Each structure stands twice: as C-alpha cells, then as structure tokens.
Protein backbone atom coordinates (compact mmCIF):
# COMPACT_ATOMS: atom_id res chain seq x y z
CA MET A 1 2.39 28.24 31.33
CA ILE A 2 -1.47 29.05 30.20
CA TYR A 3 -0.13 31.69 27.98
CA GLN A 4 2.48 29.33 26.29
CA LYS A 5 -0.40 26.63 25.69
CA THR A 6 -2.48 29.64 24.32
CA LEU A 7 0.22 30.93 21.83
CA LEU A 8 1.22 27.33 21.31
CA THR A 9 -2.31 26.40 19.96
CA VAL A 10 -2.94 29.86 18.08
CA PHE A 11 0.14 29.03 16.22
CA PHE A 12 -0.88 25.36 15.15
CA PHE A 13 -4.10 26.36 14.24
CA ALA A 14 -2.35 29.29 12.08
CA PHE A 15 -0.52 26.22 11.06
CA ILE A 16 -3.49 24.51 9.41
CA THR A 17 -4.99 26.98 8.07
CA ILE A 18 -1.85 27.78 5.66
CA TYR A 19 -1.73 24.08 4.50
CA PHE A 20 -5.02 24.36 3.73
CA VAL A 21 -5.23 27.22 1.64
CA ILE A 22 -1.85 26.26 -0.36
CA LEU A 23 -3.92 22.67 -0.47
CA ALA A 24 -6.74 24.05 -1.75
CA ASP A 25 -4.90 26.16 -4.43
CA ALA A 26 -2.79 23.21 -5.87
CA THR A 27 -3.29 21.98 -9.50
CA THR A 28 -4.27 17.95 -9.49
CA PHE A 29 -2.61 15.50 -11.96
CA THR A 30 -4.37 12.52 -12.54
CA VAL A 31 -1.72 9.96 -14.26
CA ARG A 32 -3.24 7.16 -15.57
CA ASN A 33 -1.76 4.48 -17.29
CA ASN A 34 -3.64 2.58 -20.07
CA CYS A 35 -0.96 0.51 -21.43
CA PRO A 36 -1.15 -3.12 -21.20
CA TYR A 37 2.24 -2.92 -19.31
CA VAL A 38 3.94 -1.66 -16.90
CA VAL A 39 4.49 2.36 -16.30
CA TRP A 40 7.09 3.81 -13.58
CA ALA A 41 5.29 7.11 -13.60
CA ALA A 42 8.01 9.99 -12.71
CA THR A 43 7.29 13.45 -11.92
CA SER A 44 10.10 16.48 -11.03
CA ALA A 45 10.67 19.98 -11.10
CA PRO A 46 13.66 22.71 -10.06
CA GLY A 47 13.55 23.23 -6.62
CA LYS A 48 10.53 20.75 -5.56
CA PRO A 49 10.21 17.32 -4.11
CA GLY A 50 9.91 14.74 -6.98
CA GLY A 51 8.15 11.54 -7.59
CA GLY A 52 7.45 7.87 -8.70
CA LYS A 53 5.02 4.98 -8.41
CA ARG A 54 4.45 2.10 -10.19
CA LEU A 55 1.20 1.67 -12.52
CA ASN A 56 -0.05 -1.42 -13.59
CA GLN A 57 -2.44 -1.38 -16.35
CA GLY A 58 -5.83 0.96 -15.33
CA GLU A 59 -4.08 1.83 -11.82
CA THR A 60 -3.95 5.77 -11.24
CA TRP A 61 -1.35 8.13 -8.96
CA ILE A 62 -2.06 11.65 -8.32
CA VAL A 63 0.39 14.20 -8.53
CA THR A 64 0.03 17.95 -7.22
CA GLY A 65 1.66 21.24 -8.38
CA ASP A 66 1.76 24.16 -6.63
CA PRO A 67 0.72 28.04 -8.35
CA GLY A 68 4.09 29.25 -9.23
CA THR A 69 5.90 26.00 -10.08
CA THR A 70 7.70 26.13 -13.37
CA GLN A 71 9.63 23.65 -16.07
CA ALA A 72 7.89 20.68 -14.09
CA ARG A 73 7.56 17.23 -16.33
CA ILE A 74 5.65 13.93 -15.77
CA TRP A 75 6.89 10.84 -17.28
CA GLY A 76 6.77 7.32 -17.93
CA ARG A 77 9.53 4.82 -17.63
CA THR A 78 9.78 1.08 -19.02
CA ASN A 79 11.24 -2.12 -17.84
CA CYS A 80 12.29 -1.24 -14.95
CA ASN A 81 13.62 -2.77 -12.20
CA PHE A 82 13.69 -1.42 -7.66
CA ASP A 83 15.01 -3.53 -5.43
CA ALA A 84 13.13 -2.77 -1.67
CA SER A 85 15.04 0.25 -1.33
CA GLY A 86 13.86 1.87 -4.13
CA ARG A 87 17.09 1.68 -5.89
CA GLY A 88 17.15 0.40 -9.70
CA GLY A 89 17.12 1.19 -13.22
CA CYS A 90 14.72 1.59 -16.31
CA GLN A 91 15.48 0.72 -19.98
CA THR A 92 14.04 4.47 -20.88
CA GLY A 93 13.26 7.37 -18.88
CA ASP A 94 15.81 6.46 -15.92
CA CYS A 95 16.29 9.19 -13.11
CA ASN A 96 20.04 8.29 -11.56
CA GLY A 97 18.61 4.68 -10.75
CA VAL A 98 15.95 5.67 -8.50
CA LEU A 99 12.18 5.11 -8.09
CA GLU A 100 11.26 8.45 -6.60
CA CYS A 101 13.02 10.92 -9.02
CA LYS A 102 14.40 13.84 -7.90
CA SER A 103 15.62 14.68 -11.24
CA TYR A 104 14.87 14.51 -14.58
CA GLY A 105 14.80 11.20 -16.79
CA ARG A 106 17.31 10.08 -19.27
CA ALA A 107 16.39 10.20 -22.81
CA PRO A 108 14.16 9.30 -24.57
CA ASN A 109 10.89 10.13 -22.90
CA THR A 110 7.79 11.89 -24.01
CA LEU A 111 7.08 14.55 -21.50
CA ALA A 112 4.09 16.36 -20.35
CA GLU A 113 5.63 19.78 -19.09
CA TYR A 114 3.93 22.56 -17.87
CA SER A 115 4.27 25.93 -15.98
CA LEU A 116 1.06 26.99 -13.35
CA LYS A 117 -0.02 29.94 -12.87
CA GLN A 118 1.89 31.95 -14.87
CA TYR A 119 1.45 35.36 -17.06
CA ALA A 120 -2.09 36.62 -16.98
CA ASP A 121 -3.31 33.86 -15.00
CA GLN A 122 -2.67 31.12 -17.22
CA ASP A 123 -1.10 27.49 -16.85
CA PHE A 124 1.02 26.70 -19.96
CA ILE A 125 1.24 23.23 -20.93
CA ASP A 126 2.85 21.09 -23.79
CA ILE A 127 3.94 17.27 -24.85
CA SER A 128 7.50 17.34 -25.96
CA VAL A 129 8.99 14.59 -27.73
CA ILE A 130 12.72 16.74 -28.05
CA ASP A 131 14.12 14.05 -26.04
CA GLY A 132 12.72 11.32 -28.00
CA PHE A 133 9.09 9.06 -27.58
CA ASN A 134 9.33 6.03 -25.50
CA ILE A 135 5.27 6.03 -25.04
CA PRO A 136 1.99 6.99 -26.22
CA MET A 137 0.50 10.51 -23.89
CA GLU A 138 -2.17 12.47 -23.59
CA PHE A 139 -2.08 16.02 -21.38
CA SER A 140 -5.82 16.96 -20.93
CA SER A 141 -8.12 19.26 -19.01
CA ALA A 142 -9.77 17.58 -16.53
CA SER A 143 -11.78 20.62 -15.44
CA GLY A 144 -15.09 22.23 -17.08
CA GLN A 145 -12.92 25.82 -17.52
CA CYS A 146 -10.83 24.48 -20.08
CA THR A 147 -11.45 21.79 -23.08
CA ARG A 148 -7.72 21.59 -24.09
CA LYS A 149 -6.58 18.31 -25.38
CA ILE A 150 -3.23 17.07 -26.81
CA ARG A 151 -2.02 14.09 -27.45
CA CYS A 152 0.92 12.01 -28.95
CA THR A 153 0.30 9.02 -30.16
CA GLY A 154 1.88 7.96 -33.58
CA ASP A 155 3.50 4.93 -34.54
CA ILE A 156 6.85 6.68 -33.79
CA ILE A 157 8.90 3.72 -31.94
CA ALA A 158 7.98 1.16 -35.05
CA GLN A 159 8.82 3.78 -37.93
CA CYS A 160 11.87 5.58 -35.87
CA PRO A 161 14.79 6.63 -37.71
CA ALA A 162 17.76 4.31 -37.87
CA GLN A 163 20.13 6.67 -36.48
CA LEU A 164 17.48 7.01 -33.31
CA ARG A 165 16.35 4.05 -32.91
CA MET A 166 17.03 2.26 -29.65
CA ASP A 167 14.99 -0.80 -27.63
CA GLY A 168 11.96 0.40 -26.53
CA ALA A 169 11.84 3.99 -27.92
CA CYS A 170 12.95 6.28 -30.63
CA ASN A 171 15.65 8.86 -29.44
CA GLY A 172 15.37 12.14 -29.72
CA PRO A 173 17.72 14.12 -32.49
CA CYS A 174 19.72 16.48 -29.86
CA PRO A 175 20.24 13.95 -27.08
CA VAL A 176 21.94 11.67 -30.05
CA LEU A 177 23.65 14.17 -32.33
CA LYS A 178 24.25 16.51 -29.76
CA THR A 179 24.57 19.58 -32.85
CA GLU A 180 23.61 22.75 -32.27
CA GLU A 181 21.49 22.50 -35.53
CA HIS A 182 19.23 19.76 -33.46
CA CYS A 183 19.44 21.23 -29.79
CA CYS A 184 19.55 25.19 -30.49
CA ASN A 185 21.72 25.99 -27.59
CA SER A 186 21.79 29.55 -29.31
CA GLY A 187 18.02 30.03 -29.72
CA ASN A 188 18.19 30.63 -33.36
CA CYS A 189 17.16 27.26 -35.19
CA GLY A 190 14.10 25.55 -37.01
CA PRO A 191 12.56 22.32 -38.17
CA THR A 192 14.99 19.78 -39.66
CA PRO A 193 14.34 16.49 -41.44
CA LEU A 194 14.56 14.45 -38.18
CA SER A 195 12.11 16.81 -36.10
CA MET A 196 10.09 16.38 -38.72
CA PHE A 197 9.81 13.01 -38.64
CA PHE A 198 8.17 13.39 -34.80
CA LYS A 199 5.63 16.57 -36.01
CA GLN A 200 4.18 14.58 -38.64
CA ARG A 201 3.22 11.77 -36.34
CA CYS A 202 2.63 13.93 -33.38
CA PRO A 203 1.55 17.52 -34.61
CA ASP A 204 0.49 19.21 -31.09
CA ALA A 205 3.85 18.00 -29.71
CA TYR A 206 6.98 20.01 -29.17
CA SER A 207 9.65 18.35 -32.16
CA TYR A 208 12.55 20.86 -31.76
CA PRO A 209 13.13 23.69 -28.73
CA LYS A 210 11.64 26.78 -31.07
CA ASP A 211 8.41 24.83 -32.10
CA ASP A 212 6.31 27.00 -29.83
CA PRO A 213 3.45 28.29 -31.91
CA THR A 214 2.27 24.90 -32.68
CA SER A 215 2.86 23.11 -29.47
CA LEU A 216 2.75 25.24 -26.51
CA PHE A 217 -0.92 25.69 -24.47
CA THR A 218 -2.72 27.73 -21.71
CA CYS A 219 -5.34 26.78 -19.44
CA PRO A 220 -6.83 28.89 -17.05
CA SER A 221 -5.27 29.14 -13.38
CA GLY A 222 -6.97 26.36 -11.54
CA THR A 223 -7.70 23.86 -14.38
CA ASN A 224 -7.27 19.90 -12.94
CA TYR A 225 -5.08 17.76 -15.32
CA ASN A 226 -5.30 14.06 -16.58
CA VAL A 227 -2.27 12.72 -18.11
CA ILE A 228 -2.84 9.48 -19.75
CA PHE A 229 -0.38 6.71 -21.00
CA CYS A 230 -1.76 4.72 -24.01
CA PRO A 231 -4.90 7.12 -24.50
C-alpha cells in the first residue's frame, strides 16, 4: 500500500510538472474589444479546442496557443444572440450557432491567423480579409523581442462594392462568386479588381490566397500578441 501511494505521488507530481512546462511555453493572445459595440470574440484551430466570449467595450479575453499550432484563427462576431446553453447565432462570423466555437466562422469576418513555432523557430502571423471584413482589427506583438504591428482599419464596409455588400459587413469575392479566379483552388492566381479593393484599404492584409509577399509576417517563437477590435 505504501508503494502504491508513493507511485501515485510520483505520477501526480510528474503530471503537474509537465502541465506547468507546457503552460510556460504557451503563447498568450490578449483579445481586446475597443469597439463602441459588443463583439463576440472567437478562436479555432484544427485539432484544438476552440472557444468564444462576449466582450463589451474595453473588455479583454486571454487565449493561449501551444507551440506547433497551425492554421489557427481569432475573429470577432457581431449582432449575436445566445441562450443560456450557448446556442444561437450571429449576423457575421457565426460558427454553427454556438457561443464557444469548435470550427471556423462563416464569412464575412476579419481574421487574425497564426501558426506557432514553425520553420526557423518563428511564428507566422497575418490578418486576412479573403473571407471579407466585418470589424477593424490590429494584430501586434506584445513582447519586446518583436515590434510587428499589422492593422486593417480601412473604411471597407461603407465603400464595399455592391456585389459584396451585406448588412454590417463586406463579403469576400471567393465566398460570394466562388470562381477559380477569386478562390485560387489550383494555386495559380493573381490579384483581381475586387481583391485590390481590399488591398488598397488594408495594405498589410491578405486580400487573395497568393498575397504572401506583402501579408505574411514573422516574430520569434515565444512572442505574445495583442488582437484588438477597433484599434
């Protein structure tokens, strides 16, 4: 019996040690709502638990990401209604009608995208409006080791082309038109007049799938970040 208790104690402390080592290595994203309206923040990554939270103006939400995470997103949803069980829906950015997202949101939505601890021990970060635009956004380093700051704050909704316009947002060309020219499923495409509409107003953001040279940025692994709605 003493041996069993000792073994359990060893396993317990080993588990606690591993837990705190993983926690110490995790990247922190401070998500802040500076908009004069409520934003329902959301996050999702393949194979990872997602999440969501209502943010009134000035409120923050802490999201963590493990080293090796890829294709992860943080975004904001607008004009949402959820019941006590977290079921409902949003006008923009909805994720299958749940408060705590388990999948990517529905276009249109402004995206903060990231992959952590990748090639050359770098994080890869970007803002994307390929799926459209619903909230102005900043994605920036919160650590002294990196000074990167990406913003997309252009007056996109008010100036949105007629074929992409919807209440409270400006949709992306691919979700609306679903053509190879705009969706680039083959991997061989260039900018279009509609993608250039977004690029002219948000020069640092992805406006079409092959927009890497002017839209994909890096910070050293271990950097923490801010995601700000209405910076």
